[in-house]
Amino acid sequence: MSMTRRVSAFLVALAAFMIFEWINLGFNLADGHKTSFYVVHGVLIAVNILLALTLAAVGVRGWMRGRADL
């Protein structure tokens, strides 16, 4: 079963938004916290960027194989 291009486009847009948001969060972390704070947020950022890249790959693959919306 293939997904529609609308769903594929949504996944790619969601991935782009996630990457933008998490990178933006990384740059906006305030100074003065304990090291554990930065470690936890660094792991969260890395995991969410990996999830976003996976969503983007699925979305692009779906777009290439997808059918036009009916």
PDB file of N, CA and C in Angstrom:
ATOM      1  N   MET A   1       0.842  -1.178   0.000  1.00  0.00           N
ATOM      2  CA  MET A   1       0.000   0.000   0.000  1.00  0.00           C
ATOM      3  C   MET A   1       0.888   1.242   0.000  1.00  0.00           C
ATOM      4  N   SER A   2       0.623   2.152  -0.889  1.00  0.00           N
ATOM      5  CA  SER A   2       1.417   3.376  -0.934  1.00  0.00           C
ATOM      6  C   SER A   2       0.612   4.538  -0.349  1.00  0.00           C
ATOM      7  N   MET A   3       1.327   5.504   0.156  1.00  0.00           N
ATOM      8  CA  MET A   3       0.656   6.655   0.752  1.00  0.00           C
ATOM      9  C   MET A   3       0.425   7.722  -0.319  1.00  0.00           C
ATOM     10  N   THR A   4      -0.502   8.603  -0.040  1.00  0.00           N
ATOM     11  CA  THR A   4      -0.781   9.672  -0.989  1.00  0.00           C
ATOM     12  C   THR A   4       0.328  10.717  -0.925  1.00  0.00           C
ATOM     13  N   ARG A   5       0.372  11.518  -1.943  1.00  0.00           N
ATOM     14  CA  ARG A   5       1.369  12.592  -1.955  1.00  0.00           C
ATOM     15  C   ARG A   5       1.075  13.629  -0.882  1.00  0.00           C
ATOM     16  N   ARG A   6      -0.171  13.783  -0.520  1.00  0.00           N
ATOM     17  CA  ARG A   6      -0.522  14.725   0.544  1.00  0.00           C
ATOM     18  C   ARG A   6       0.092  14.283   1.868  1.00  0.00           C
ATOM     19  N   VAL A   7      -0.011  13.010   2.178  1.00  0.00           N
ATOM     20  CA  VAL A   7       0.575  12.469   3.404  1.00  0.00           C
ATOM     21  C   VAL A   7       2.098  12.584   3.343  1.00  0.00           C
ATOM     22  N   SER A   8       2.672  12.279   2.194  1.00  0.00           N
ATOM     23  CA  SER A   8       4.123  12.393   2.028  1.00  0.00           C
ATOM     24  C   SER A   8       4.596  13.824   2.244  1.00  0.00           C
ATOM     25  N   ALA A   9       3.891  14.777   1.667  1.00  0.00           N
ATOM     26  CA  ALA A   9       4.254  16.181   1.830  1.00  0.00           C
ATOM     27  C   ALA A   9       4.139  16.605   3.291  1.00  0.00           C
ATOM     28  N   PHE A  10       3.108  16.112   3.982  1.00  0.00           N
ATOM     29  CA  PHE A  10       2.945  16.416   5.401  1.00  0.00           C
ATOM     30  C   PHE A  10       4.132  15.891   6.211  1.00  0.00           C
ATOM     31  N   LEU A  11       4.565  14.661   5.919  1.00  0.00           N
ATOM     32  CA  LEU A  11       5.697  14.092   6.649  1.00  0.00           C
ATOM     33  C   LEU A  11       6.971  14.899   6.422  1.00  0.00           C
ATOM     34  N   VAL A  12       7.204  15.316   5.199  1.00  0.00           N
ATOM     35  CA  VAL A  12       8.402  16.113   4.893  1.00  0.00           C
ATOM     36  C   VAL A  12       8.318  17.474   5.589  1.00  0.00           C
ATOM     37  N   ALA A  13       7.146  18.093   5.566  1.00  0.00           N
ATOM     38  CA  ALA A  13       6.977  19.387   6.233  1.00  0.00           C
ATOM     39  C   ALA A  13       7.140  19.255   7.745  1.00  0.00           C
ATOM     40  N   LEU A  14       6.588  18.192   8.314  1.00  0.00           N
ATOM     41  CA  LEU A  14       6.741  17.946   9.744  1.00  0.00           C
ATOM     42  C   LEU A  14       8.203  17.738  10.112  1.00  0.00           C
ATOM     43  N   ALA A  15       8.923  16.999   9.289  1.00  0.00           N
ATOM     44  CA  ALA A  15      10.345  16.763   9.540  1.00  0.00           C
ATOM     45  C   ALA A  15      11.125  18.071   9.494  1.00  0.00           C
ATOM     46  N   ALA A  16      10.838  18.907   8.507  1.00  0.00           N
ATOM     47  CA  ALA A  16      11.532  20.199   8.403  1.00  0.00           C
ATOM     48  C   ALA A  16      11.252  21.063   9.633  1.00  0.00           C
ATOM     49  N   PHE A  17      10.000  21.078  10.080  1.00  0.00           N
ATOM     50  CA  PHE A  17       9.645  21.846  11.265  1.00  0.00           C
ATOM     51  C   PHE A  17      10.368  21.319  12.502  1.00  0.00           C
ATOM     52  N   MET A  18      10.406  20.001  12.657  1.00  0.00           N
ATOM     53  CA  MET A  18      11.075  19.403  13.817  1.00  0.00           C
ATOM     54  C   MET A  18      12.562  19.744  13.835  1.00  0.00           C
ATOM     55  N   ILE A  19      13.204  19.653  12.692  1.00  0.00           N
ATOM     56  CA  ILE A  19      14.633  19.967  12.625  1.00  0.00           C
ATOM     57  C   ILE A  19      14.858  21.431  12.984  1.00  0.00           C
ATOM     58  N   PHE A  20      14.057  22.316  12.417  1.00  0.00           N
ATOM     59  CA  PHE A  20      14.189  23.746  12.712  1.00  0.00           C
ATOM     60  C   PHE A  20      13.988  24.008  14.208  1.00  0.00           C
ATOM     61  N   GLU A  21      12.922  23.458  14.777  1.00  0.00           N
ATOM     62  CA  GLU A  21      12.607  23.707  16.183  1.00  0.00           C
ATOM     63  C   GLU A  21      13.686  23.197  17.125  1.00  0.00           C
ATOM     64  N   TRP A  22      14.169  21.991  16.911  1.00  0.00           N
ATOM     65  CA  TRP A  22      15.130  21.412  17.842  1.00  0.00           C
ATOM     66  C   TRP A  22      16.497  22.062  17.712  1.00  0.00           C
ATOM     67  N   ILE A  23      16.893  22.428  16.515  1.00  0.00           N
ATOM     68  CA  ILE A  23      18.160  23.149  16.368  1.00  0.00           C
ATOM     69  C   ILE A  23      18.041  24.533  17.007  1.00  0.00           C
ATOM     70  N   ASN A  24      16.906  25.171  16.799  1.00  0.00           N
ATOM     71  CA  ASN A  24      16.663  26.475  17.414  1.00  0.00           C
ATOM     72  C   ASN A  24      16.710  26.363  18.942  1.00  0.00           C
ATOM     73  N   LEU A  25      16.098  25.334  19.497  1.00  0.00           N
ATOM     74  CA  LEU A  25      16.153  25.118  20.943  1.00  0.00           C
ATOM     75  C   LEU A  25      17.592  24.945  21.408  1.00  0.00           C
ATOM     76  N   GLY A  26      18.378  24.196  20.652  1.00  0.00           N
ATOM     77  CA  GLY A  26      19.770  23.975  21.029  1.00  0.00           C
ATOM     78  C   GLY A  26      20.559  25.269  21.115  1.00  0.00           C
ATOM     79  N   PHE A  27      20.307  26.171  20.186  1.00  0.00           N
ATOM     80  CA  PHE A  27      21.025  27.449  20.205  1.00  0.00           C
ATOM     81  C   PHE A  27      20.499  28.399  21.269  1.00  0.00           C
ATOM     82  N   ASN A  28      19.277  28.187  21.731  1.00  0.00           N
ATOM     83  CA  ASN A  28      18.675  29.107  22.697  1.00  0.00           C
ATOM     84  C   ASN A  28      18.733  28.625  24.140  1.00  0.00           C
ATOM     85  N   LEU A  29      19.437  27.541  24.406  1.00  0.00           N
ATOM     86  CA  LEU A  29      19.577  27.103  25.795  1.00  0.00           C
ATOM     87  C   LEU A  29      20.402  28.124  26.562  1.00  0.00           C
ATOM     88  N   ALA A  30      19.877  28.549  27.702  1.00  0.00           N
ATOM     89  CA  ALA A  30      20.546  29.567  28.504  1.00  0.00           C
ATOM     90  C   ALA A  30      21.764  28.981  29.221  1.00  0.00           C
ATOM     91  N   ASP A  31      22.724  29.830  29.479  1.00  0.00           N
ATOM     92  CA  ASP A  31      23.910  29.421  30.233  1.00  0.00           C
ATOM     93  C   ASP A  31      23.569  29.330  31.718  1.00  0.00           C
ATOM     94  N   GLY A  32      24.422  28.639  32.457  1.00  0.00           N
ATOM     95  CA  GLY A  32      24.291  28.612  33.902  1.00  0.00           C
ATOM     96  C   GLY A  32      23.619  27.383  34.469  1.00  0.00           C
ATOM     97  N   HIS A  33      23.311  26.401  33.654  1.00  0.00           N
ATOM     98  CA  HIS A  33      22.691  25.178  34.161  1.00  0.00           C
ATOM     99  C   HIS A  33      23.763  24.141  34.470  1.00  0.00           C
ATOM    100  N   LYS A  34      23.353  23.102  35.173  1.00  0.00           N
ATOM    101  CA  LYS A  34      24.258  21.986  35.449  1.00  0.00           C
ATOM    102  C   LYS A  34      24.548  21.236  34.146  1.00  0.00           C
ATOM    103  N   THR A  35      25.647  20.507  34.141  1.00  0.00           N
ATOM    104  CA  THR A  35      26.036  19.745  32.956  1.00  0.00           C
ATOM    105  C   THR A  35      24.964  18.737  32.581  1.00  0.00           C
ATOM    106  N   SER A  36      24.323  18.132  33.551  1.00  0.00           N
ATOM    107  CA  SER A  36      23.297  17.128  33.257  1.00  0.00           C
ATOM    108  C   SER A  36      22.141  17.724  32.442  1.00  0.00           C
ATOM    109  N   PHE A  37      21.817  18.972  32.680  1.00  0.00           N
ATOM    110  CA  PHE A  37      20.778  19.657  31.914  1.00  0.00           C
ATOM    111  C   PHE A  37      21.134  19.668  30.435  1.00  0.00           C
ATOM    112  N   TYR A  38      22.377  20.007  30.127  1.00  0.00           N
ATOM    113  CA  TYR A  38      22.806  20.078  28.729  1.00  0.00           C
ATOM    114  C   TYR A  38      22.933  18.694  28.106  1.00  0.00           C
ATOM    115  N   VAL A  39      23.331  17.717  28.906  1.00  0.00           N
ATOM    116  CA  VAL A  39      23.429  16.343  28.391  1.00  0.00           C
ATOM    117  C   VAL A  39      22.041  15.833  28.022  1.00  0.00           C
ATOM    118  N   VAL A  40      21.083  16.011  28.906  1.00  0.00           N
ATOM    119  CA  VAL A  40      19.716  15.549  28.641  1.00  0.00           C
ATOM    120  C   VAL A  40      19.142  16.248  27.418  1.00  0.00           C
ATOM    121  N   HIS A  41      19.293  17.550  27.334  1.00  0.00           N
ATOM    122  CA  HIS A  41      18.755  18.274  26.190  1.00  0.00           C
ATOM    123  C   HIS A  41      19.508  17.926  24.900  1.00  0.00           C
ATOM    124  N   GLY A  42      20.793  17.680  25.002  1.00  0.00           N
ATOM    125  CA  GLY A  42      21.543  17.247  23.825  1.00  0.00           C
ATOM    126  C   GLY A  42      21.054  15.913  23.293  1.00  0.00           C
ATOM    127  N   VAL A  43      20.765  14.991  24.214  1.00  0.00           N
ATOM    128  CA  VAL A  43      20.222  13.685  23.801  1.00  0.00           C
ATOM    129  C   VAL A  43      18.837  13.860  23.188  1.00  0.00           C
ATOM    130  N   LEU A  44      17.992  14.676  23.803  1.00  0.00           N
ATOM    131  CA  LEU A  44      16.664  14.942  23.242  1.00  0.00           C
ATOM    132  C   LEU A  44      16.755  15.529  21.841  1.00  0.00           C
ATOM    133  N   ILE A  45      17.649  16.491  21.653  1.00  0.00           N
ATOM    134  CA  ILE A  45      17.820  17.118  20.347  1.00  0.00           C
ATOM    135  C   ILE A  45      18.292  16.096  19.326  1.00  0.00           C
ATOM    136  N   ALA A  46      19.284  15.290  19.685  1.00  0.00           N
ATOM    137  CA  ALA A  46      19.824  14.299  18.751  1.00  0.00           C
ATOM    138  C   ALA A  46      18.766  13.268  18.359  1.00  0.00           C
ATOM    139  N   VAL A  47      18.024  12.763  19.335  1.00  0.00           N
ATOM    140  CA  VAL A  47      16.998  11.753  19.049  1.00  0.00           C
ATOM    141  C   VAL A  47      15.902  12.340  18.164  1.00  0.00           C
ATOM    142  N   ASN A  48      15.464  13.553  18.466  1.00  0.00           N
ATOM    143  CA  ASN A  48      14.397  14.152  17.675  1.00  0.00           C
ATOM    144  C   ASN A  48      14.849  14.508  16.262  1.00  0.00           C
ATOM    145  N   ILE A  49      16.093  14.882  16.093  1.00  0.00           N
ATOM    146  CA  ILE A  49      16.593  15.145  14.740  1.00  0.00           C
ATOM    147  C   ILE A  49      16.685  13.833  13.958  1.00  0.00           C
ATOM    148  N   LEU A  50      17.101  12.758  14.612  1.00  0.00           N
ATOM    149  CA  LEU A  50      17.108  11.454  13.938  1.00  0.00           C
ATOM    150  C   LEU A  50      15.693  11.019  13.557  1.00  0.00           C
ATOM    151  N   LEU A  51      14.732  11.239  14.430  1.00  0.00           N
ATOM    152  CA  LEU A  51      13.339  10.937  14.096  1.00  0.00           C
ATOM    153  C   LEU A  51      12.853  11.781  12.918  1.00  0.00           C
ATOM    154  N   ALA A  52      13.222  13.048  12.912  1.00  0.00           N
ATOM    155  CA  ALA A  52      12.826  13.924  11.814  1.00  0.00           C
ATOM    156  C   ALA A  52      13.447  13.480  10.494  1.00  0.00           C
ATOM    157  N   LEU A  53      14.704  13.076  10.531  1.00  0.00           N
ATOM    158  CA  LEU A  53      15.347  12.590   9.304  1.00  0.00           C
ATOM    159  C   LEU A  53      14.687  11.305   8.809  1.00  0.00           C
ATOM    160  N   THR A  54      14.266  10.455   9.737  1.00  0.00           N
ATOM    161  CA  THR A  54      13.548   9.233   9.355  1.00  0.00           C
ATOM    162  C   THR A  54      12.203   9.577   8.728  1.00  0.00           C
ATOM    163  N   LEU A  55      11.476  10.512   9.332  1.00  0.00           N
ATOM    164  CA  LEU A  55      10.209  10.955   8.749  1.00  0.00           C
ATOM    165  C   LEU A  55      10.411  11.550   7.363  1.00  0.00           C
ATOM    166  N   ALA A  56      11.465  12.333   7.207  1.00  0.00           N
ATOM    167  CA  ALA A  56      11.748  12.926   5.897  1.00  0.00           C
ATOM    168  C   ALA A  56      12.046  11.844   4.869  1.00  0.00           C
ATOM    169  N   ALA A  57      12.804  10.839   5.249  1.00  0.00           N
ATOM    170  CA  ALA A  57      13.121   9.757   4.312  1.00  0.00           C
ATOM    171  C   ALA A  57      11.865   8.998   3.907  1.00  0.00           C
ATOM    172  N   VAL A  58      11.000   8.708   4.874  1.00  0.00           N
ATOM    173  CA  VAL A  58       9.740   8.017   4.573  1.00  0.00           C
ATOM    174  C   VAL A  58       8.865   8.894   3.677  1.00  0.00           C
ATOM    175  N   GLY A  59       8.811  10.183   3.982  1.00  0.00           N
ATOM    176  CA  GLY A  59       8.013  11.098   3.182  1.00  0.00           C
ATOM    177  C   GLY A  59       8.506  11.228   1.751  1.00  0.00           C
ATOM    178  N   VAL A  60       9.811  11.328   1.580  1.00  0.00           N
ATOM    179  CA  VAL A  60      10.379  11.438   0.225  1.00  0.00           C
ATOM    180  C   VAL A  60      10.161  10.138  -0.538  1.00  0.00           C
ATOM    181  N   ARG A  61      10.384   9.022   0.126  1.00  0.00           N
ATOM    182  CA  ARG A  61      10.157   7.726  -0.530  1.00  0.00           C
ATOM    183  C   ARG A  61       8.678   7.585  -0.918  1.00  0.00           C
ATOM    184  N   GLY A  62       7.785   7.997  -0.038  1.00  0.00           N
ATOM    185  CA  GLY A  62       6.360   7.954  -0.347  1.00  0.00           C
ATOM    186  C   GLY A  62       5.993   8.878  -1.485  1.00  0.00           C
ATOM    187  N   TRP A  63       6.620  10.045  -1.538  1.00  0.00           N
ATOM    188  CA  TRP A  63       6.358  10.993  -2.615  1.00  0.00           C
ATOM    189  C   TRP A  63       6.774  10.397  -3.963  1.00  0.00           C
ATOM    190  N   MET A  64       7.937   9.751  -3.972  1.00  0.00           N
ATOM    191  CA  MET A  64       8.441   9.180  -5.224  1.00  0.00           C
ATOM    192  C   MET A  64       7.569   8.007  -5.699  1.00  0.00           C
ATOM    193  N   ARG A  65       7.058   7.219  -4.772  1.00  0.00           N
ATOM    194  CA  ARG A  65       6.249   6.072  -5.114  1.00  0.00           C
ATOM    195  C   ARG A  65       4.755   6.343  -5.057  1.00  0.00           C
ATOM    196  N   GLY A  66       4.398   7.486  -4.502  1.00  0.00           N
ATOM    197  CA  GLY A  66       3.000   7.760  -4.184  1.00  0.00           C
ATOM    198  C   GLY A  66       2.119   7.965  -5.388  1.00  0.00           C
ATOM    199  N   ARG A  67       0.860   7.987  -5.084  1.00  0.00           N
ATOM    200  CA  ARG A  67      -0.139   8.244  -6.110  1.00  0.00           C
ATOM    201  C   ARG A  67      -0.690   9.636  -5.885  1.00  0.00           C
ATOM    202  N   ALA A  68      -1.270  10.188  -6.931  1.00  0.00           N
ATOM    203  CA  ALA A  68      -1.874  11.517  -6.808  1.00  0.00           C
ATOM    204  C   ALA A  68      -3.103  11.433  -5.922  1.00  0.00           C
ATOM    205  N   ASP A  69      -3.390  12.515  -5.196  1.00  0.00           N
ATOM    206  CA  ASP A  69      -4.601  12.563  -4.371  1.00  0.00           C
ATOM    207  C   ASP A  69      -5.826  12.442  -5.260  1.00  0.00           C
ATOM    208  N   LEU A  70      -6.802  11.736  -4.738  1.00  0.00           N
ATOM    209  CA  LEU A  70      -8.029  11.559  -5.513  1.00  0.00           C
ATOM    210  C   LEU A  70      -9.046  12.603  -5.177  1.00  0.00           C
TER     211      LEU A  70
END
